[in-house]
């Protein structure tokens, strides 16, 4: 295992296994070829060909499109191609802030549409050293139980702004008060494309840093975190470089943190590949 392995593991995909999901002349997603018959079962919603899936242009409002796509999503879930619904709508568009229609979060990979999320790395300075607050996910989580996570992380719902979502996630996951959250510094984005059994994860993460007071201790409020531990950055780096104990995409966010704070230096043999690979 290495830093670069984590980036490469998040970017394993073959687009020949997919067909584009198009809305007019814009591609909004990627659908795996074995799922085409399940889309084709809704001819009033999409037209399926061997090389693409076209959304019916008469479905011309976000509300109408959302209802139509929900029917396909339900069919995919009932056929076992998605995880259980979370009742958390994601916006679908060709850029962040655009909402052509909404999709239930659980079905987004089956449609191959871009999903957005945010991660916050909470850290403390100890003289010249960094310490990072590392949570461990509870063992009863439906996804990635027991794995290490970023200080705060969550998907980006359709109805919230980034600032609103950051404040909500920070309160729920780490008990961070609003006055601290407002000091968080946006530091860029990280993206990856990962082929999964029945779809594509086309994800973009908005990343934040937050330096925390030395006397602050995170407290989980939504029952999704087992505990928090304050680790020296060197320990976090060692665990990431040698294991897969962290949830897969958290590795990328923390590698980016190490690069930006000079903990991974330009002399590292994979430095340029790491920098390039964080936005694929």
Protein backbone atom coordinates (compact mmCIF):
# COMPACT_ATOMS: atom_id res chain seq x y z
CA UNK A 1 0.00 0.00 0.00
CA UNK A 2 1.14 3.56 -0.72
CA UNK A 3 -0.30 7.06 -1.03
CA UNK A 4 -0.47 6.62 -4.79
CA UNK A 5 -2.23 3.25 -4.43
CA UNK A 6 -5.11 4.99 -2.67
CA UNK A 7 -5.52 7.49 -5.50
CA UNK A 8 -5.32 4.78 -8.14
CA UNK A 9 -7.82 2.62 -6.25
CA UNK A 10 -10.33 5.49 -6.37
CA UNK A 11 -9.89 5.88 -10.12
CA UNK A 12 -10.42 2.39 -11.48
CA UNK A 13 -13.01 2.49 -14.26
CA UNK A 14 -13.51 1.59 -17.90
CA UNK A 15 -15.96 3.78 -19.80
CA UNK A 16 -16.45 1.10 -22.46
CA UNK A 17 -18.59 -0.62 -19.83
CA UNK A 18 -20.99 2.34 -19.88
CA UNK A 19 -23.20 4.36 -22.18
CA UNK A 20 -23.76 8.10 -21.69
CA UNK A 21 -27.00 9.37 -20.21
CA UNK A 22 -27.78 12.44 -22.28
CA UNK A 23 -30.17 15.33 -21.83
CA UNK A 24 -30.28 17.14 -25.16
CA UNK A 25 -26.68 17.71 -26.17
CA UNK A 26 -25.41 17.44 -22.58
CA UNK A 27 -24.15 14.30 -20.88
CA UNK A 28 -25.43 14.11 -17.32
CA UNK A 29 -24.43 10.57 -16.40
CA UNK A 30 -23.05 7.15 -17.29
CA UNK A 31 -25.12 3.95 -17.18
CA UNK A 32 -23.60 0.47 -17.07
CA UNK A 33 -24.58 -1.59 -20.10
CA UNK A 34 -26.28 -4.40 -18.11
CA UNK A 35 -28.68 -1.80 -16.65
CA UNK A 36 -29.89 -0.54 -20.05
CA UNK A 37 -32.92 -2.92 -20.14
CA UNK A 38 -34.07 -1.52 -16.79
CA UNK A 39 -33.97 2.02 -18.21
CA UNK A 40 -35.62 0.82 -21.44
CA UNK A 41 -38.61 -0.38 -19.40
CA UNK A 42 -39.58 3.32 -19.15
CA UNK A 43 -39.94 4.45 -22.79
CA UNK A 44 -41.91 7.51 -21.74
CA UNK A 45 -38.83 8.69 -19.81
CA UNK A 46 -35.83 7.62 -21.89
CA UNK A 47 -34.93 6.32 -25.33
CA UNK A 48 -32.28 3.61 -25.15
CA UNK A 49 -29.90 2.82 -28.00
CA UNK A 50 -26.80 0.67 -28.15
CA UNK A 51 -24.54 3.70 -27.68
CA UNK A 52 -26.50 6.05 -25.42
CA UNK A 53 -29.61 6.76 -23.38
CA UNK A 54 -31.54 9.93 -24.22
CA UNK A 55 -33.88 11.62 -21.76
CA UNK A 56 -37.27 12.45 -23.23
CA UNK A 57 -37.11 16.17 -24.16
CA UNK A 58 -40.82 16.64 -23.40
CA UNK A 59 -39.97 16.16 -19.71
CA UNK A 60 -38.99 19.78 -19.53
CA UNK A 61 -39.21 20.86 -15.89
CA UNK A 62 -37.10 19.76 -12.90
CA UNK A 63 -40.20 18.57 -11.02
CA UNK A 64 -41.45 16.40 -13.91
CA UNK A 65 -37.97 15.00 -14.53
CA UNK A 66 -37.45 14.25 -10.84
CA UNK A 67 -40.67 12.25 -10.68
CA UNK A 68 -39.85 10.35 -13.87
CA UNK A 69 -36.30 9.49 -12.80
CA UNK A 70 -37.60 8.41 -9.42
CA UNK A 71 -39.63 5.69 -11.13
CA UNK A 72 -36.50 4.32 -12.79
CA UNK A 73 -34.60 4.62 -9.53
CA UNK A 74 -37.26 2.66 -7.67
CA UNK A 75 -37.12 -0.11 -10.25
CA UNK A 76 -33.34 -0.32 -9.97
CA UNK A 77 -33.55 -0.53 -6.18
CA UNK A 78 -36.26 -3.18 -6.28
CA UNK A 79 -34.03 -5.21 -8.62
CA UNK A 80 -31.14 -5.02 -6.15
CA UNK A 81 -28.88 -2.66 -8.09
CA UNK A 82 -28.65 0.08 -5.45
CA UNK A 83 -28.28 0.43 -1.71
CA UNK A 84 -31.40 1.18 0.38
CA UNK A 85 -32.84 4.66 -0.10
CA UNK A 86 -31.75 7.38 2.34
CA UNK A 87 -34.44 9.85 1.25
CA UNK A 88 -31.72 12.39 0.58
CA UNK A 89 -32.10 14.09 -2.83
CA UNK A 90 -29.02 15.08 -4.83
CA UNK A 91 -29.03 17.69 -7.59
CA UNK A 92 -28.16 16.50 -11.09
CA UNK A 93 -26.51 18.91 -13.50
CA UNK A 94 -23.43 19.53 -15.61
CA UNK A 95 -21.83 21.79 -12.99
CA UNK A 96 -22.15 22.50 -9.30
CA UNK A 97 -25.14 24.70 -8.54
CA UNK A 98 -27.16 23.53 -11.54
CA UNK A 99 -30.21 21.35 -10.87
CA UNK A 100 -31.79 19.83 -13.97
CA UNK A 101 -33.55 17.31 -11.72
CA UNK A 102 -33.05 15.52 -8.42
CA UNK A 103 -32.10 11.92 -7.70
CA UNK A 104 -32.27 9.90 -4.52
CA UNK A 105 -28.72 9.61 -3.19
CA UNK A 106 -28.78 5.79 -3.19
CA UNK A 107 -29.41 5.57 -6.94
CA UNK A 108 -26.90 8.21 -8.05
CA UNK A 109 -24.12 5.68 -8.88
CA UNK A 110 -26.53 3.62 -11.04
CA UNK A 111 -27.21 6.77 -13.10
CA UNK A 112 -23.51 7.72 -13.02
CA UNK A 113 -24.31 11.35 -12.29
CA UNK A 114 -21.85 13.57 -10.47
CA UNK A 115 -22.29 13.64 -6.70
CA UNK A 116 -20.91 16.30 -4.40
CA UNK A 117 -19.84 16.15 -0.79
CA UNK A 118 -17.73 17.98 1.76
CA UNK A 119 -14.96 16.92 4.10
CA UNK A 120 -13.44 18.90 6.95
CA UNK A 121 -10.08 18.08 8.52
CA UNK A 122 -10.01 19.29 12.11
CA UNK A 123 -6.51 19.73 13.46
CA UNK A 124 -4.59 21.11 16.42
CA UNK A 125 -1.11 22.62 16.43
CA UNK A 126 1.38 21.38 19.00
CA UNK A 127 4.26 23.81 18.57
CA UNK A 128 5.55 22.94 15.07
CA UNK A 129 3.53 19.72 14.77
CA UNK A 130 0.02 18.93 13.56
CA UNK A 131 -2.43 16.65 15.36
CA UNK A 132 -5.59 15.51 13.56
CA UNK A 133 -8.94 14.51 15.05
CA UNK A 134 -9.73 11.05 13.65
CA UNK A 135 -13.19 9.50 14.12
CA UNK A 136 -14.01 5.79 13.86
CA UNK A 137 -17.32 4.88 12.24
CA UNK A 138 -19.71 2.77 14.29
CA UNK A 139 -19.90 -0.94 13.57
CA UNK A 140 -23.61 -0.72 12.70
CA UNK A 141 -23.13 1.74 9.81
CA UNK A 142 -24.55 0.42 6.54
CA UNK A 143 -21.46 1.61 4.71
CA UNK A 144 -17.81 1.21 5.76
CA UNK A 145 -18.55 0.11 9.36
CA UNK A 146 -15.67 0.47 11.80
CA UNK A 147 -13.42 2.31 9.36
CA UNK A 148 -11.56 5.51 10.17
CA UNK A 149 -12.99 8.70 8.70
CA UNK A 150 -12.29 12.37 8.25
CA UNK A 151 -13.16 14.68 11.16
CA UNK A 152 -16.39 15.66 9.40
CA UNK A 153 -17.69 14.31 6.09
CA UNK A 154 -21.05 14.20 4.35
CA UNK A 155 -22.88 14.30 1.07
CA UNK A 156 -24.23 17.52 -0.39
CA UNK A 157 -28.08 17.50 -0.50
CA UNK A 158 -29.95 19.38 -3.19
CA UNK A 159 -31.71 21.83 -0.88
CA UNK A 160 -28.75 23.15 1.13
CA UNK A 161 -25.93 25.54 0.35
CA UNK A 162 -22.39 24.40 1.07
CA UNK A 163 -22.22 26.71 4.08
CA UNK A 164 -25.52 25.41 5.46
CA UNK A 165 -24.49 21.79 4.92
CA UNK A 166 -21.07 22.31 6.48
CA UNK A 167 -22.66 23.76 9.61
CA UNK A 168 -25.21 20.92 9.77
CA UNK A 169 -22.64 18.14 9.29
CA UNK A 170 -20.19 19.68 11.76
CA UNK A 171 -22.89 19.91 14.43
CA UNK A 172 -24.18 16.37 13.85
CA UNK A 173 -20.88 14.57 13.45
CA UNK A 174 -18.53 16.43 15.77
CA UNK A 175 -20.59 18.77 17.97
CA UNK A 176 -18.86 21.80 16.49
CA UNK A 177 -20.53 25.11 17.37
CA UNK A 178 -21.40 27.55 14.60
CA UNK A 179 -18.81 30.10 15.68
CA UNK A 180 -16.05 27.55 15.17
CA UNK A 181 -17.43 26.22 11.89
CA UNK A 182 -17.39 29.73 10.43
CA UNK A 183 -13.61 29.73 10.86
CA UNK A 184 -13.24 26.72 8.54
CA UNK A 185 -11.12 27.50 5.50
CA UNK A 186 -12.13 26.16 2.06
CA UNK A 187 -8.99 24.71 0.50
CA UNK A 188 -10.13 23.30 -2.85
CA UNK A 189 -11.76 20.27 -4.40
CA UNK A 190 -10.86 16.61 -4.91
CA UNK A 191 -12.48 14.39 -7.53
CA UNK A 192 -12.36 10.77 -8.60
CA UNK A 193 -14.14 8.23 -10.82
CA UNK A 194 -14.65 4.74 -9.42
CA UNK A 195 -16.45 1.93 -11.22
CA UNK A 196 -18.56 -0.20 -8.90
CA UNK A 197 -20.57 -3.34 -9.59
CA UNK A 198 -23.69 -1.59 -10.85
CA UNK A 199 -22.54 1.93 -11.56
CA UNK A 200 -19.99 4.72 -11.43
CA UNK A 201 -18.97 6.95 -8.53
CA UNK A 202 -18.29 10.32 -10.17
CA UNK A 203 -17.60 12.31 -7.00
CA UNK A 204 -16.32 15.78 -6.22
CA UNK A 205 -15.43 16.71 -2.64
CA UNK A 206 -15.23 20.27 -1.32
CA UNK A 207 -12.41 20.23 1.22
CA UNK A 208 -12.05 22.39 4.34
CA UNK A 209 -9.40 22.84 7.02
CA UNK A 210 -10.28 23.92 10.54
CA UNK A 211 -7.71 24.62 13.23
CA UNK A 212 -9.34 23.78 16.56
CA UNK A 213 -8.58 25.04 20.06
CA UNK A 214 -6.40 22.70 22.08
CA UNK A 215 -9.12 22.31 24.71
CA UNK A 216 -11.88 21.37 22.24
CA UNK A 217 -12.90 17.72 21.99
CA UNK A 218 -15.27 16.59 19.19
CA UNK A 219 -18.50 14.95 20.31
CA UNK A 220 -20.63 12.92 17.93
CA UNK A 221 -24.35 13.74 18.04
CA UNK A 222 -25.91 11.51 15.35
CA UNK A 223 -24.79 8.07 16.54
CA UNK A 224 -22.60 7.42 13.49
CA UNK A 225 -19.19 7.73 15.17
CA UNK A 226 -17.81 5.32 17.75
CA UNK A 227 -15.14 7.67 19.09
CA UNK A 228 -12.64 10.40 18.23
CA UNK A 229 -8.89 10.15 18.71
CA UNK A 230 -6.32 12.92 18.40
CA UNK A 231 -3.45 11.52 16.35
CA UNK A 232 -0.13 13.13 15.41
CA UNK A 233 -0.09 13.80 11.68
CA UNK A 234 2.87 11.44 11.31
CA UNK A 235 0.73 8.61 12.70
CA UNK A 236 -2.13 9.41 10.30
CA UNK A 237 0.34 9.46 7.42
CA UNK A 238 1.83 6.12 8.44
CA UNK A 239 -1.59 4.43 8.69
CA UNK A 240 -2.66 5.77 5.29
CA UNK A 241 0.63 4.87 3.61
CA UNK A 242 0.61 1.29 4.90
CA UNK A 243 -3.05 0.24 5.38
CA UNK A 244 -6.62 0.67 4.17
CA UNK A 245 -8.06 1.44 7.61
CA UNK A 246 -9.47 4.80 6.47
CA UNK A 247 -12.66 4.99 4.39
CA UNK A 248 -11.51 4.96 0.79
CA UNK A 249 -12.09 8.61 -0.19
CA UNK A 250 -10.84 10.01 3.13
CA UNK A 251 -7.37 8.90 2.12
CA UNK A 252 -7.45 11.37 -0.78
CA UNK A 253 -8.57 14.28 1.40
CA UNK A 254 -5.84 13.60 3.94
CA UNK A 255 -3.14 13.13 1.30
CA UNK A 256 -4.14 16.54 -0.04
CA UNK A 257 -3.85 17.94 3.52
CA UNK A 258 -0.33 16.47 3.85
CA UNK A 259 0.75 18.01 0.53
CA UNK A 260 -0.68 21.46 1.27
CA UNK A 261 0.95 21.60 4.71
CA UNK A 262 4.34 20.41 3.48
CA UNK A 263 4.17 17.03 5.23
CA UNK A 264 4.53 15.25 1.90
CA UNK A 265 7.39 17.11 0.25
CA UNK A 266 8.30 17.65 -3.41
CA UNK A 267 11.19 15.23 -2.86
CA UNK A 268 8.68 12.36 -2.45
CA UNK A 269 9.05 10.01 -5.43
CA UNK A 270 5.32 10.17 -6.28
CA UNK A 271 4.80 13.86 -5.52
CA UNK A 272 3.73 15.06 -9.00
CA UNK A 273 1.55 11.99 -9.56
CA UNK A 274 -0.16 12.55 -6.22
CA UNK A 275 -0.86 16.21 -7.00
CA UNK A 276 -2.21 15.36 -10.44
CA UNK A 277 -4.24 12.38 -9.27
CA UNK A 278 -6.26 14.26 -6.66
CA UNK A 279 -8.39 15.80 -9.40
CA UNK A 280 -8.95 13.19 -12.08
